[in-house]
Amino acid sequence: MDKINFDLPLALGYALPVALLVWIWLSSKTGIRLKLLVTLCLPLLYGAHWFGLQNLRGWPAYQTLPNQFQLLAADVVEPEPASNHAGKINLWVRLTEAGEPRAYSLPYTRKLHQMLFDTKQRMQAGQTQVGRLYDSSSNRGADIGNNQKLEFQNATRASLPPK
Protein backbone atom coordinates (compact mmCIF):
# COMPACT_ATOMS: atom_id res chain seq x y z
CA MET A 1 0.00 0.00 0.00
CA ASP A 2 1.40 3.39 -1.00
CA LYS A 3 1.97 6.07 1.60
CA ILE A 4 -0.18 9.18 1.32
CA ASN A 5 1.79 12.37 0.69
CA PHE A 6 0.64 15.07 3.10
CA ASP A 7 3.06 17.79 1.94
CA LEU A 8 0.53 19.80 -0.09
CA PRO A 9 -2.34 19.65 2.45
CA LEU A 10 0.08 20.57 5.25
CA ALA A 11 1.45 23.52 3.28
CA LEU A 12 -2.10 24.68 2.51
CA GLY A 13 -3.01 24.28 6.16
CA TYR A 14 -0.36 26.85 7.03
CA ALA A 15 -0.79 29.13 4.01
CA LEU A 16 -4.59 29.46 3.98
CA PRO A 17 -4.91 31.02 7.46
CA VAL A 18 -2.21 33.54 6.56
CA ALA A 19 -4.01 34.33 3.29
CA LEU A 20 -7.24 34.76 5.24
CA LEU A 21 -5.46 37.10 7.66
CA VAL A 22 -4.08 39.20 4.78
CA TRP A 23 -7.54 39.34 3.18
CA ILE A 24 -9.11 40.47 6.47
CA TRP A 25 -6.49 43.20 6.94
CA LEU A 26 -6.86 44.46 3.37
CA SER A 27 -10.65 44.45 3.58
CA SER A 28 -11.95 47.89 4.47
CA LYS A 29 -15.30 46.48 5.69
CA THR A 30 -13.82 44.60 8.66
CA GLY A 31 -13.47 46.43 11.96
CA ILE A 32 -10.10 46.84 13.66
CA ARG A 33 -11.17 44.75 16.67
CA LEU A 34 -11.94 41.73 14.49
CA LYS A 35 -8.66 42.21 12.63
CA LEU A 36 -6.69 42.26 15.88
CA LEU A 37 -8.61 39.28 17.28
CA VAL A 38 -7.90 37.14 14.21
CA THR A 39 -4.25 38.26 14.20
CA LEU A 40 -3.84 37.26 17.84
CA CYS A 41 -5.64 33.93 17.38
CA LEU A 42 -3.49 32.76 14.46
CA PRO A 43 -0.40 32.01 16.61
CA LEU A 44 -2.69 30.08 18.97
CA LEU A 45 -3.89 27.99 16.03
CA TYR A 46 -0.32 27.22 14.99
CA GLY A 47 0.64 26.41 18.59
CA ALA A 48 -2.29 24.01 18.96
CA HIS A 49 -1.31 22.40 15.67
CA TRP A 50 2.27 21.97 16.89
CA PHE A 51 1.19 20.27 20.09
CA GLY A 52 -1.21 18.07 18.11
CA LEU A 53 1.65 16.93 15.89
CA GLN A 54 3.58 15.69 18.92
CA ASN A 55 1.39 12.58 19.06
CA LEU A 56 2.03 11.63 15.46
CA ARG A 57 4.70 9.25 14.20
CA GLY A 58 8.28 9.99 15.04
CA TRP A 59 7.61 11.56 18.42
CA PRO A 60 7.21 9.35 21.47
CA ALA A 61 3.63 9.09 22.63
CA TYR A 62 3.08 10.01 26.25
CA GLN A 63 0.05 7.77 26.46
CA THR A 64 -0.74 4.29 27.71
CA LEU A 65 1.02 1.41 26.03
CA PRO A 66 -1.13 -1.19 24.28
CA ASN A 67 -1.94 -4.27 26.37
CA GLN A 68 0.36 -6.48 24.28
CA PHE A 69 3.07 -5.55 21.78
CA GLN A 70 6.36 -6.65 20.24
CA LEU A 71 9.38 -4.74 21.56
CA LEU A 72 11.66 -3.57 18.74
CA ALA A 73 14.09 -1.36 20.69
CA ALA A 74 14.51 0.56 23.92
CA ASP A 75 16.47 3.63 24.93
CA VAL A 76 17.09 4.46 28.57
CA VAL A 77 17.88 8.01 29.70
CA GLU A 78 18.99 7.75 33.31
CA PRO A 79 18.05 10.43 35.84
CA GLU A 80 20.51 13.25 36.46
CA PRO A 81 19.93 14.74 39.92
CA ALA A 82 22.43 17.54 39.26
CA SER A 83 20.32 18.91 36.39
CA ASN A 84 17.00 17.90 38.00
CA HIS A 85 16.21 15.55 35.08
CA ALA A 86 13.95 12.65 36.14
CA GLY A 87 15.00 10.34 33.30
CA LYS A 88 12.82 8.43 30.89
CA ILE A 89 12.60 5.17 28.99
CA ASN A 90 11.68 5.21 25.32
CA LEU A 91 10.27 2.06 23.77
CA TRP A 92 9.84 1.36 20.08
CA VAL A 93 7.03 -1.15 19.71
CA ARG A 94 4.89 -2.84 17.08
CA LEU A 95 1.31 -3.90 17.79
CA THR A 96 1.07 -6.61 15.15
CA GLU A 97 3.57 -8.41 12.96
CA ALA A 98 2.61 -6.29 9.94
CA GLY A 99 1.90 -3.08 11.88
CA GLU A 100 3.80 0.17 11.85
CA PRO A 101 6.25 0.79 14.73
CA ARG A 102 5.36 3.41 17.33
CA ALA A 103 7.48 5.13 19.98
CA TYR A 104 6.30 5.43 23.58
CA SER A 105 7.92 7.25 26.48
CA LEU A 106 7.71 6.02 30.08
CA PRO A 107 8.99 7.47 33.34
CA TYR A 108 12.33 6.03 34.46
CA THR A 109 12.37 3.36 37.16
CA ARG A 110 15.39 1.33 38.17
CA LYS A 111 13.42 -1.94 38.03
CA LEU A 112 12.22 -1.27 34.47
CA HIS A 113 15.77 -0.31 33.48
CA GLN A 114 17.11 -3.63 34.78
CA MET A 115 14.28 -5.54 33.11
CA LEU A 116 15.06 -3.85 29.78
CA PHE A 117 18.75 -4.71 30.14
CA ASP A 118 17.83 -8.39 30.48
CA THR A 119 15.29 -8.11 27.65
CA LYS A 120 17.88 -6.56 25.30
CA GLN A 121 20.23 -9.46 26.01
CA ARG A 122 17.51 -11.93 25.04
CA MET A 123 16.83 -9.92 21.87
CA GLN A 124 20.53 -10.03 20.96
CA ALA A 125 20.36 -13.81 21.40
CA GLY A 126 17.62 -13.90 18.74
CA GLN A 127 14.51 -14.09 20.92
CA THR A 128 11.56 -11.91 19.94
CA GLN A 129 10.30 -10.07 23.03
CA VAL A 130 6.65 -9.38 23.76
CA GLY A 131 5.57 -6.77 26.30
CA ARG A 132 2.41 -7.25 28.32
CA LEU A 133 0.62 -4.89 30.69
CA TYR A 134 -0.77 -6.12 33.98
CA ASP A 135 -2.81 -4.55 36.74
CA SER A 136 -0.73 -2.93 39.48
CA SER A 137 -1.94 -5.54 41.97
CA SER A 138 -0.05 -8.20 40.00
CA ASN A 139 3.30 -9.44 41.29
CA ARG A 140 4.64 -9.45 37.74
CA GLY A 141 6.71 -6.79 35.99
CA ALA A 142 7.79 -3.25 36.77
CA ASP A 143 5.51 -0.38 37.70
CA ILE A 144 4.99 2.13 34.85
CA GLY A 145 2.32 4.33 36.47
CA ASN A 146 -1.41 4.54 35.76
CA ASN A 147 -1.90 1.47 38.02
CA GLN A 148 -0.11 -0.71 35.47
CA LYS A 149 2.90 -2.97 35.41
CA LEU A 150 4.93 -4.02 32.39
CA GLU A 151 6.64 -7.35 31.79
CA PHE A 152 8.62 -8.71 28.85
CA GLN A 153 8.56 -12.37 27.80
CA ASN A 154 9.88 -14.47 24.95
CA ALA A 155 7.36 -14.61 22.10
CA THR A 156 5.82 -17.99 21.53
CA ARG A 157 6.54 -19.38 18.11
CA ALA A 158 3.52 -20.22 16.05
CA SER A 159 3.24 -23.92 15.50
CA LEU A 160 2.60 -25.23 12.03
CA PRO A 161 -0.81 -26.70 11.36
CA PRO A 162 -0.95 -30.52 11.18
CA LYS A 163 -0.69 -32.13 7.75
Foldseek 3Di string as FASTA:
>chain_A
DDDDDCPVVVVCVLVVLVVVLVVLVVDPVHDPVVSVVSVVCSVVVVVVVVVVCCCDAPHADADDDPQKWWWDDKDWFPDDVVVPRQTKMKTWTARDPPGDIHIHIFGDDPQVVVQVVVVVVVVVVPFTKMKGKDALVDPDADDRDPRIHIHIDGDDDDDDDDD
